[in-house]
Amino acid sequence: MSEEKKTIVRDLGFGGLMHIPPLRVHHQVLRELANNFKLGENRLETGYGFFKIRPKTLGDALGINASGDLFPQKVNYKKLSEDDKEIFKRF
């Protein structure tokens, strides 16, 4: 990513995303996990049924942080500028 793009990402408040390492997992596998993992129930549904899995175990398998507070800096919507509120609404 160019420095100009990195600056824009940081200015939007998403600089932390640049620290996520690239995953060495095929995108089809990630899509299947995303579509079949039921986060509220910690359950992975497969063609053979379903089984319980902890987010930490899934994170360890993929090499990512999948436990704890992933977003320690919360956004206070009331304190945002009008421009930032528009960006927030788009997401």
C-alpha atoms as a PDB file:
ATOM      1  CA  MET A   1       0.000   0.000   0.000  1.00  0.00           C
ATOM      2  CA  SER A   2       1.318   3.454  -0.826  1.00  0.00           C
ATOM      3  CA  GLU A   3       2.108   5.917   1.981  1.00  0.00           C
ATOM      4  CA  GLU A   4      -0.756   8.116   0.786  1.00  0.00           C
ATOM      5  CA  LYS A   5      -3.231   5.251   1.167  1.00  0.00           C
ATOM      6  CA  LYS A   6      -1.778   4.327   4.562  1.00  0.00           C
ATOM      7  CA  THR A   7      -2.289   7.920   5.730  1.00  0.00           C
ATOM      8  CA  ILE A   8      -5.922   7.859   4.580  1.00  0.00           C
ATOM      9  CA  VAL A   9      -6.535   4.558   6.383  1.00  0.00           C
ATOM     10  CA  ARG A  10      -4.988   5.940   9.592  1.00  0.00           C
ATOM     11  CA  ASP A  11      -6.982   9.190   9.318  1.00  0.00           C
ATOM     12  CA  LEU A  12     -10.202   7.170   9.058  1.00  0.00           C
ATOM     13  CA  GLY A  13      -9.283   5.396  12.295  1.00  0.00           C
ATOM     14  CA  PHE A  14      -8.544   1.997  10.767  1.00  0.00           C
ATOM     15  CA  GLY A  15      -4.763   2.049  11.191  1.00  0.00           C
ATOM     16  CA  GLY A  16      -4.902  -1.043  13.372  1.00  0.00           C
ATOM     17  CA  LEU A  17      -6.059  -3.096  10.412  1.00  0.00           C
ATOM     18  CA  MET A  18      -2.685  -2.615   8.762  1.00  0.00           C
ATOM     19  CA  HIS A  19      -1.104  -4.686  11.535  1.00  0.00           C
ATOM     20  CA  ILE A  20      -3.106  -7.806  10.692  1.00  0.00           C
ATOM     21  CA  PRO A  21      -0.668 -10.234   9.109  1.00  0.00           C
ATOM     22  CA  PRO A  22      -1.594 -11.753   5.749  1.00  0.00           C
ATOM     23  CA  LEU A  23      -3.219 -15.140   6.206  1.00  0.00           C
ATOM     24  CA  ARG A  24      -1.775 -18.131   4.436  1.00  0.00           C
ATOM     25  CA  VAL A  25      -5.187 -19.748   4.155  1.00  0.00           C
ATOM     26  CA  HIS A  26      -7.016 -20.087   0.869  1.00  0.00           C
ATOM     27  CA  HIS A  27      -9.898 -17.616   0.568  1.00  0.00           C
ATOM     28  CA  GLN A  28     -12.395 -20.427  -0.098  1.00  0.00           C
ATOM     29  CA  VAL A  29     -11.540 -22.035   3.238  1.00  0.00           C
ATOM     30  CA  LEU A  30     -11.956 -18.679   5.009  1.00  0.00           C
ATOM     31  CA  ARG A  31     -15.300 -18.132   3.273  1.00  0.00           C
ATOM     32  CA  GLU A  32     -16.533 -21.552   4.359  1.00  0.00           C
ATOM     33  CA  LEU A  33     -15.471 -20.881   7.945  1.00  0.00           C
ATOM     34  CA  ALA A  34     -17.149 -17.475   7.925  1.00  0.00           C
ATOM     35  CA  ASN A  35     -20.368 -18.887   6.488  1.00  0.00           C
ATOM     36  CA  ASN A  36     -20.520 -21.930   8.771  1.00  0.00           C
ATOM     37  CA  PHE A  37     -19.190 -20.681  12.113  1.00  0.00           C
ATOM     38  CA  LYS A  38     -22.020 -19.579  14.399  1.00  0.00           C
ATOM     39  CA  LEU A  39     -20.304 -17.031  16.637  1.00  0.00           C
ATOM     40  CA  GLY A  40     -23.019 -16.690  19.282  1.00  0.00           C
ATOM     41  CA  GLU A  41     -23.069 -20.447  19.765  1.00  0.00           C
ATOM     42  CA  ASN A  42     -19.330 -21.142  19.164  1.00  0.00           C
ATOM     43  CA  ARG A  43     -20.400 -23.861  16.783  1.00  0.00           C
ATOM     44  CA  LEU A  44     -18.982 -24.910  13.410  1.00  0.00           C
ATOM     45  CA  GLU A  45     -21.485 -26.575  11.115  1.00  0.00           C
ATOM     46  CA  THR A  46     -20.124 -29.067   8.607  1.00  0.00           C
ATOM     47  CA  GLY A  47     -21.544 -31.571   6.164  1.00  0.00           C
ATOM     48  CA  TYR A  48     -21.128 -34.182   8.895  1.00  0.00           C
ATOM     49  CA  GLY A  49     -23.012 -32.248  11.557  1.00  0.00           C
ATOM     50  CA  PHE A  50     -21.726 -29.607  13.945  1.00  0.00           C
ATOM     51  CA  PHE A  51     -19.278 -29.328  16.795  1.00  0.00           C
ATOM     52  CA  LYS A  52     -18.390 -26.793  19.438  1.00  0.00           C
ATOM     53  CA  ILE A  53     -15.188 -24.855  18.918  1.00  0.00           C
ATOM     54  CA  ARG A  54     -13.707 -22.013  20.949  1.00  0.00           C
ATOM     55  CA  PRO A  55     -12.802 -18.817  19.052  1.00  0.00           C
ATOM     56  CA  LYS A  56      -9.280 -19.091  20.538  1.00  0.00           C
ATOM     57  CA  THR A  57      -8.852 -22.537  18.979  1.00  0.00           C
ATOM     58  CA  LEU A  58      -9.988 -21.230  15.606  1.00  0.00           C
ATOM     59  CA  GLY A  59      -7.670 -18.226  15.987  1.00  0.00           C
ATOM     60  CA  ASP A  60      -4.744 -20.474  16.880  1.00  0.00           C
ATOM     61  CA  ALA A  61      -5.399 -22.591  13.792  1.00  0.00           C
ATOM     62  CA  LEU A  62      -5.445 -19.516  11.536  1.00  0.00           C
ATOM     63  CA  GLY A  63      -2.709 -17.643  13.379  1.00  0.00           C
ATOM     64  CA  ILE A  64      -4.894 -14.658  14.328  1.00  0.00           C
ATOM     65  CA  ASN A  65      -6.081 -13.038  17.567  1.00  0.00           C
ATOM     66  CA  ALA A  66      -9.594 -14.369  17.991  1.00  0.00           C
ATOM     67  CA  SER A  67     -10.059 -13.818  21.704  1.00  0.00           C
ATOM     68  CA  GLY A  68     -10.144 -10.898  24.059  1.00  0.00           C
ATOM     69  CA  ASP A  69     -11.193  -7.345  23.226  1.00  0.00           C
ATOM     70  CA  LEU A  70     -10.405  -6.950  19.539  1.00  0.00           C
ATOM     71  CA  PHE A  71     -11.469  -3.291  19.504  1.00  0.00           C
ATOM     72  CA  PRO A  72     -10.149  -1.649  22.683  1.00  0.00           C
ATOM     73  CA  GLN A  73     -10.791   1.885  21.412  1.00  0.00           C
ATOM     74  CA  LYS A  74     -14.545   2.304  21.150  1.00  0.00           C
ATOM     75  CA  VAL A  75     -16.164   5.016  19.041  1.00  0.00           C
ATOM     76  CA  ASN A  76     -18.409   7.488  20.812  1.00  0.00           C
ATOM     77  CA  TYR A  77     -20.867   8.390  18.065  1.00  0.00           C
ATOM     78  CA  LYS A  78     -21.981  11.577  19.823  1.00  0.00           C
ATOM     79  CA  LYS A  79     -18.434  12.975  19.777  1.00  0.00           C
ATOM     80  CA  LEU A  80     -17.901  12.423  16.028  1.00  0.00           C
ATOM     81  CA  SER A  81     -17.924  15.297  13.554  1.00  0.00           C
ATOM     82  CA  GLU A  82     -20.759  15.382  11.028  1.00  0.00           C
ATOM     83  CA  ASP A  83     -18.407  14.108   8.303  1.00  0.00           C
ATOM     84  CA  ASP A  84     -17.272  11.219  10.484  1.00  0.00           C
ATOM     85  CA  LYS A  85     -20.889  10.387  11.350  1.00  0.00           C
ATOM     86  CA  GLU A  86     -21.611  10.009   7.637  1.00  0.00           C
ATOM     87  CA  ILE A  87     -18.661   7.642   7.255  1.00  0.00           C
ATOM     88  CA  PHE A  88     -19.803   5.705  10.323  1.00  0.00           C
ATOM     89  CA  LYS A  89     -23.331   5.347   8.892  1.00  0.00           C
ATOM     90  CA  ARG A  90     -21.962   3.921   5.639  1.00  0.00           C
ATOM     91  CA  PHE A  91     -20.340   1.086   7.531  1.00  0.00           C
END
